[in-house]
Amino acid sequence: MKLSFVKMEGCGNDYVYVNGFIERVPEEEKPALVRRLSDRHFGIGGDGVIFINPSEIAEFEMEMYNADGSRGEMCGNGIRCVAKFVYDEGLTDKKEITVESFGKIKYLTLFEENGEITSVRVNMGEPILEAAEIPVALDHSPVVDAPIEVCGKEYRMTCVSMGNPHAVVFVEDTDSFPLEQIGPHFENHVLFPRRTNTEFVQIVNRSYVKMRVWERGSGETLACGTGCCATAVACVLNGLTDEKITVEVLGGKLEIEWDRERNLVWMTGPATTVFRGEVEI
């Protein structure tokens, strides 16, 4: 059986996209298939696989899997590419759409340039700061500048959920930070009952930061949209930046704004098609 797919990326955060309106893959087979397709040596290669399905509560559903086959609640870069996918594939002709991810609805605006969707703005909703809802196993909320010991060293973290858990850690220099060594220990720390994504952030000025990310289930990726949103919230909570910032990741830049008056986070960034193909499954 052949499976049609589209490889897409947002700031280098790349996924294999499958049209679930047409392609039928049994649920129990998806984790193993995702691991095979995500493999960068023996598969297509990507940070995971996203199935785009019909939804009962929105126009589309984003069913997102990490590269290790685990289900993810939300992916900011991924959902922008979903918007471009459904427009390019003729599943919609609208520039304002709704997409469900893990039961939550996101509202997206598509921007066109020379007849092509090049960027997408997403209403990412309210940041979750209650420790139990993130979840993080601490008895106080919000978790701002809280100590955590990793590999014998104390770090300070601020925890935010954007539909998935994040721990934001401020560092002096992201370029030299030993992410591959430290990242897995944050992800699997006892304080995070469902594991966590971890952002290591360098403040450049009040409107610009640099970030590297260790994603739960995928390792270091070139970008993380929800992580950029969590970073913006954490920066404001710690008094380090303004509410609207540019977040530079390894794969590009995202514009993030936390509208504190309405308590909404907005993310704007690119969405790009890499190639299309078929794979035997």
Protein backbone atom coordinates (compact mmCIF):
# COMPACT_ATOMS: atom_id res chain seq x y z
CA MET A 1 0.00 0.00 0.00
CA LYS A 2 1.31 3.44 -0.91
CA LEU A 3 0.82 6.48 1.34
CA SER A 4 0.84 9.98 -0.17
CA PHE A 5 2.46 12.68 1.95
CA VAL A 6 3.74 16.24 1.91
CA LYS A 7 6.94 17.23 3.73
CA MET A 8 6.61 20.72 5.24
CA GLU A 9 8.52 22.92 7.65
CA GLY A 10 8.04 26.02 9.74
CA CYS A 11 11.36 27.60 10.77
CA GLY A 12 12.98 24.22 10.21
CA ASN A 13 10.57 22.35 12.48
CA ASP A 14 9.70 19.70 9.88
CA TYR A 15 6.93 17.12 9.77
CA VAL A 16 5.48 14.61 7.36
CA TYR A 17 1.86 15.62 6.60
CA VAL A 18 -0.80 13.08 5.65
CA ASN A 19 -4.27 13.91 4.33
CA GLY A 20 -6.51 11.93 6.68
CA PHE A 21 -9.54 12.75 4.53
CA ILE A 22 -8.12 10.34 1.94
CA GLU A 23 -5.42 8.19 3.53
CA ARG A 24 -6.66 5.63 6.07
CA VAL A 25 -4.16 4.36 8.63
CA PRO A 26 -5.45 2.27 11.57
CA GLU A 27 -4.89 4.02 14.90
CA GLU A 28 -2.94 1.12 16.38
CA GLU A 29 -0.48 1.21 13.48
CA LYS A 30 0.29 4.94 13.65
CA PRO A 31 3.02 4.99 16.37
CA ALA A 32 5.21 2.44 14.55
CA LEU A 33 4.55 4.12 11.19
CA VAL A 34 5.45 7.52 12.64
CA ARG A 35 8.77 6.20 13.97
CA ARG A 36 9.62 4.73 10.56
CA LEU A 37 8.62 7.77 8.52
CA SER A 38 10.38 10.19 10.90
CA ASP A 39 13.71 8.38 10.69
CA ARG A 40 16.16 10.67 8.89
CA HIS A 41 18.30 7.80 7.62
CA PHE A 42 15.83 5.06 6.67
CA GLY A 43 12.57 7.02 6.35
CA ILE A 44 11.37 10.36 5.00
CA GLY A 45 12.81 12.26 7.94
CA GLY A 46 11.12 14.73 10.25
CA ASP A 47 10.37 15.80 13.80
CA GLY A 48 7.20 13.71 13.57
CA VAL A 49 4.08 13.06 11.52
CA ILE A 50 0.87 15.09 11.38
CA PHE A 51 -2.40 13.63 10.12
CA ILE A 52 -4.95 16.20 8.92
CA ASN A 53 -8.43 14.85 9.61
CA PRO A 54 -12.09 15.88 9.63
CA SER A 55 -13.23 17.42 12.92
CA GLU A 56 -16.57 17.54 14.67
CA ILE A 57 -15.78 20.82 16.46
CA ALA A 58 -13.63 22.71 13.92
CA GLU A 59 -12.99 22.74 10.19
CA PHE A 60 -9.97 20.44 10.50
CA GLU A 61 -8.19 18.31 13.07
CA MET A 62 -4.42 18.20 13.53
CA GLU A 63 -3.42 14.76 14.86
CA MET A 64 0.22 15.28 15.77
CA TYR A 65 2.84 12.65 16.66
CA ASN A 66 6.40 13.14 17.85
CA ALA A 67 9.26 11.33 16.14
CA ASP A 68 9.28 8.62 18.83
CA GLY A 69 5.66 7.73 18.04
CA SER A 70 4.16 9.44 21.08
CA ARG A 71 1.11 11.64 20.63
CA GLY A 72 1.60 15.39 21.03
CA GLU A 73 -1.07 17.79 22.21
CA MET A 74 -0.04 20.79 20.16
CA CYS A 75 2.60 22.02 17.71
CA GLY A 76 2.77 25.71 16.83
CA ASN A 77 4.96 25.35 13.74
CA GLY A 78 2.98 22.29 12.71
CA ILE A 79 -0.40 23.98 12.89
CA ARG A 80 0.79 26.82 10.62
CA CYS A 81 1.79 24.23 8.03
CA VAL A 82 -1.60 22.55 8.45
CA ALA A 83 -3.21 25.84 7.41
CA LYS A 84 -1.04 26.07 4.30
CA PHE A 85 -1.66 22.39 3.52
CA VAL A 86 -5.46 22.61 3.58
CA TYR A 87 -5.40 25.75 1.44
CA ASP A 88 -2.90 24.40 -1.08
CA GLU A 89 -4.72 21.07 -1.34
CA GLY A 90 -8.05 22.78 -2.02
CA LEU A 91 -9.65 21.62 1.22
CA THR A 92 -10.60 25.24 1.90
CA ASP A 93 -10.54 28.55 0.08
CA LYS A 94 -10.81 30.63 3.25
CA LYS A 95 -8.07 32.75 4.83
CA GLU A 96 -9.59 32.43 8.31
CA ILE A 97 -9.90 28.84 9.54
CA THR A 98 -10.26 26.77 12.70
CA VAL A 99 -8.14 23.74 13.54
CA GLU A 100 -8.68 21.29 16.39
CA SER A 101 -5.67 19.83 18.17
CA PHE A 102 -6.16 17.37 21.04
CA GLY A 103 -9.70 18.64 21.57
CA LYS A 104 -8.78 22.35 21.63
CA ILE A 105 -9.65 24.77 18.82
CA LYS A 106 -7.13 27.24 17.40
CA TYR A 107 -7.98 30.18 15.13
CA LEU A 108 -5.67 30.88 12.20
CA THR A 109 -5.21 33.67 9.66
CA LEU A 110 -3.44 32.87 6.38
CA PHE A 111 -1.31 35.47 4.56
CA GLU A 112 -0.78 35.26 0.82
CA GLU A 113 2.12 36.59 -1.22
CA ASN A 114 2.28 36.30 -5.02
CA GLY A 115 -0.56 33.79 -4.98
CA GLU A 116 1.02 31.56 -2.33
CA ILE A 117 0.41 31.16 1.40
CA THR A 118 3.73 32.11 2.98
CA SER A 119 2.91 32.85 6.61
CA VAL A 120 0.21 32.20 9.17
CA ARG A 121 -0.90 33.95 12.35
CA VAL A 122 -2.30 31.76 15.09
CA ASN A 123 -4.36 32.67 18.13
CA MET A 124 -2.68 30.22 20.50
CA GLY A 125 -5.15 30.91 23.29
CA GLU A 126 -4.50 31.46 26.97
CA PRO A 127 -1.24 30.34 28.57
CA ILE A 128 -1.80 27.86 31.38
CA LEU A 129 0.11 28.73 34.55
CA GLU A 130 -1.49 26.40 37.10
CA ALA A 131 1.14 23.84 38.11
CA ALA A 132 -1.28 20.90 38.18
CA GLU A 133 -2.55 21.69 34.70
CA ILE A 134 0.86 22.09 33.04
CA PRO A 135 1.64 19.59 34.72
CA VAL A 136 4.59 20.14 37.03
CA ALA A 137 4.79 18.49 40.44
CA LEU A 138 5.09 21.63 42.56
CA ASP A 139 2.53 22.92 45.05
CA HIS A 140 2.58 26.59 44.07
CA SER A 141 1.43 28.55 41.02
CA PRO A 142 2.59 30.19 38.94
CA VAL A 143 5.94 28.41 38.74
CA VAL A 144 8.19 31.39 38.05
CA ASP A 145 11.96 31.35 38.56
CA ALA A 146 11.67 28.11 40.52
CA PRO A 147 14.76 26.01 41.34
CA ILE A 148 15.30 22.63 39.70
CA GLU A 149 18.36 20.39 40.06
CA VAL A 150 19.58 18.69 36.90
CA CYS A 151 22.83 16.76 36.61
CA GLY A 152 23.99 18.09 39.98
CA LYS A 153 23.45 21.74 39.05
CA GLU A 154 20.66 24.10 40.07
CA TYR A 155 18.77 25.87 37.29
CA ARG A 156 15.85 28.30 37.51
CA MET A 157 12.75 27.50 35.48
CA THR A 158 9.43 29.10 34.62
CA CYS A 159 6.71 26.62 33.63
CA VAL A 160 3.97 27.31 31.10
CA SER A 161 1.56 25.15 29.13
CA MET A 162 0.41 26.18 25.66
CA GLY A 163 -1.63 22.99 25.41
CA ASN A 164 1.60 21.07 26.04
CA PRO A 165 4.10 21.43 28.91
CA HIS A 166 7.11 23.75 28.80
CA ALA A 167 9.93 24.62 31.18
CA VAL A 168 11.73 27.83 30.23
CA VAL A 169 15.29 28.28 31.51
CA PHE A 170 17.28 31.48 31.02
CA VAL A 171 20.96 31.07 30.15
CA GLU A 172 23.83 33.41 29.34
CA ASP A 173 24.60 31.95 25.91
CA THR A 174 22.45 29.54 23.91
CA ASP A 175 25.17 28.79 21.37
CA SER A 176 27.52 27.20 23.89
CA PHE A 177 24.87 25.58 26.10
CA PRO A 178 25.32 21.75 26.27
CA LEU A 179 21.77 21.03 25.16
CA GLU A 180 22.25 17.43 24.06
CA GLN A 181 23.67 16.57 27.47
CA ILE A 182 21.18 18.48 29.62
CA GLY A 183 17.98 18.35 27.56
CA PRO A 184 17.05 14.68 28.15
CA HIS A 185 17.40 15.12 31.92
CA PHE A 186 14.92 18.01 31.89
CA GLU A 187 12.51 16.10 29.66
CA ASN A 188 12.41 13.10 31.98
CA HIS A 189 12.78 14.89 35.32
CA VAL A 190 10.63 13.60 38.17
CA LEU A 191 8.92 17.01 38.44
CA PHE A 192 7.26 16.48 35.04
CA PRO A 193 4.77 13.59 35.20
CA ARG A 194 4.11 13.76 31.44
CA ARG A 195 7.65 14.80 30.55
CA THR A 196 8.28 18.32 29.28
CA ASN A 197 9.60 20.46 26.46
CA THR A 198 12.47 22.66 27.62
CA GLU A 199 13.46 26.04 26.20
CA PHE A 200 16.89 27.51 26.92
CA VAL A 201 16.66 31.26 26.35
CA GLN A 202 19.18 34.08 26.00
CA ILE A 203 17.88 37.64 26.40
CA VAL A 204 19.32 39.95 23.73
CA ASN A 205 17.14 42.98 24.52
CA ARG A 206 13.56 43.70 25.58
CA SER A 207 12.15 42.83 22.17
CA TYR A 208 14.51 40.09 20.96
CA VAL A 209 15.59 36.75 22.42
CA LYS A 210 17.43 33.65 21.20
CA MET A 211 16.15 30.16 22.01
CA ARG A 212 17.15 26.55 21.67
CA VAL A 213 14.67 23.82 22.45
CA TRP A 214 14.69 20.21 23.58
CA GLU A 215 11.34 18.80 22.50
CA ARG A 216 9.63 16.00 24.34
CA GLY A 217 9.83 12.89 22.18
CA SER A 218 11.92 14.49 19.42
CA GLY A 219 15.11 15.87 20.98
CA GLU A 220 16.57 19.15 19.77
CA THR A 221 14.61 20.67 16.91
CA LEU A 222 15.26 23.77 14.84
CA ALA A 223 12.14 25.46 16.20
CA CYS A 224 9.16 25.00 18.49
CA GLY A 225 6.15 27.28 18.06
CA THR A 226 4.51 26.52 21.39
CA GLY A 227 7.96 26.82 22.97
CA CYS A 228 8.37 30.30 21.53
CA CYS A 229 4.97 31.22 22.98
CA ALA A 230 5.90 29.81 26.38
CA THR A 231 9.20 31.71 26.16
CA ALA A 232 7.42 35.01 25.57
CA VAL A 233 5.13 34.42 28.55
CA ALA A 234 8.06 33.43 30.77
CA CYS A 235 10.05 36.49 29.69
CA VAL A 236 7.19 38.80 30.69
CA LEU A 237 6.56 36.98 33.98
CA ASN A 238 10.22 37.45 34.88
CA GLY A 239 10.22 41.11 33.82
CA LEU A 240 12.83 40.53 31.12
CA THR A 241 11.06 41.67 27.92
CA ASP A 242 8.06 43.52 26.55
CA GLU A 243 4.88 41.67 25.67
CA LYS A 244 5.71 41.55 21.95
CA ILE A 245 9.03 39.94 21.00
CA THR A 246 10.94 38.26 18.21
CA VAL A 247 12.19 34.79 19.11
CA GLU A 248 15.20 33.62 17.11
CA VAL A 249 15.47 29.84 16.86
CA LEU A 250 17.96 27.77 14.91
CA GLY A 251 15.58 27.59 11.94
CA GLY A 252 14.44 31.20 11.74
CA LYS A 253 12.37 33.76 13.64
CA LEU A 254 8.86 33.90 15.05
CA GLU A 255 6.90 36.95 16.15
CA ILE A 256 5.15 36.33 19.48
CA GLU A 257 2.83 38.61 21.44
CA TRP A 258 1.21 37.97 24.82
CA ASP A 259 -1.79 40.28 25.01
CA ARG A 260 -2.05 40.34 28.79
CA GLU A 261 -5.23 42.42 28.77
CA ARG A 262 -7.09 39.65 26.92
CA ASN A 263 -4.68 36.94 28.13
CA LEU A 264 -4.09 35.61 24.63
CA VAL A 265 -0.86 34.61 22.92
CA TRP A 266 -0.41 35.30 19.20
CA MET A 267 2.19 33.61 17.00
CA THR A 268 3.12 34.64 13.44
CA GLY A 269 5.60 32.78 11.28
CA PRO A 270 6.36 31.04 7.99
CA ALA A 271 4.98 27.80 6.55
CA THR A 272 6.82 26.10 3.70
CA THR A 273 6.30 23.04 1.51
CA VAL A 274 9.52 21.05 0.99
CA PHE A 275 8.40 18.20 -1.29
CA ARG A 276 5.63 15.72 -2.03
CA GLY A 277 5.85 12.00 -2.49
CA GLU A 278 4.58 8.48 -1.89
CA VAL A 279 5.95 5.84 0.43
CA GLU A 280 5.24 2.12 0.69
CA ILE A 281 3.71 1.17 4.05
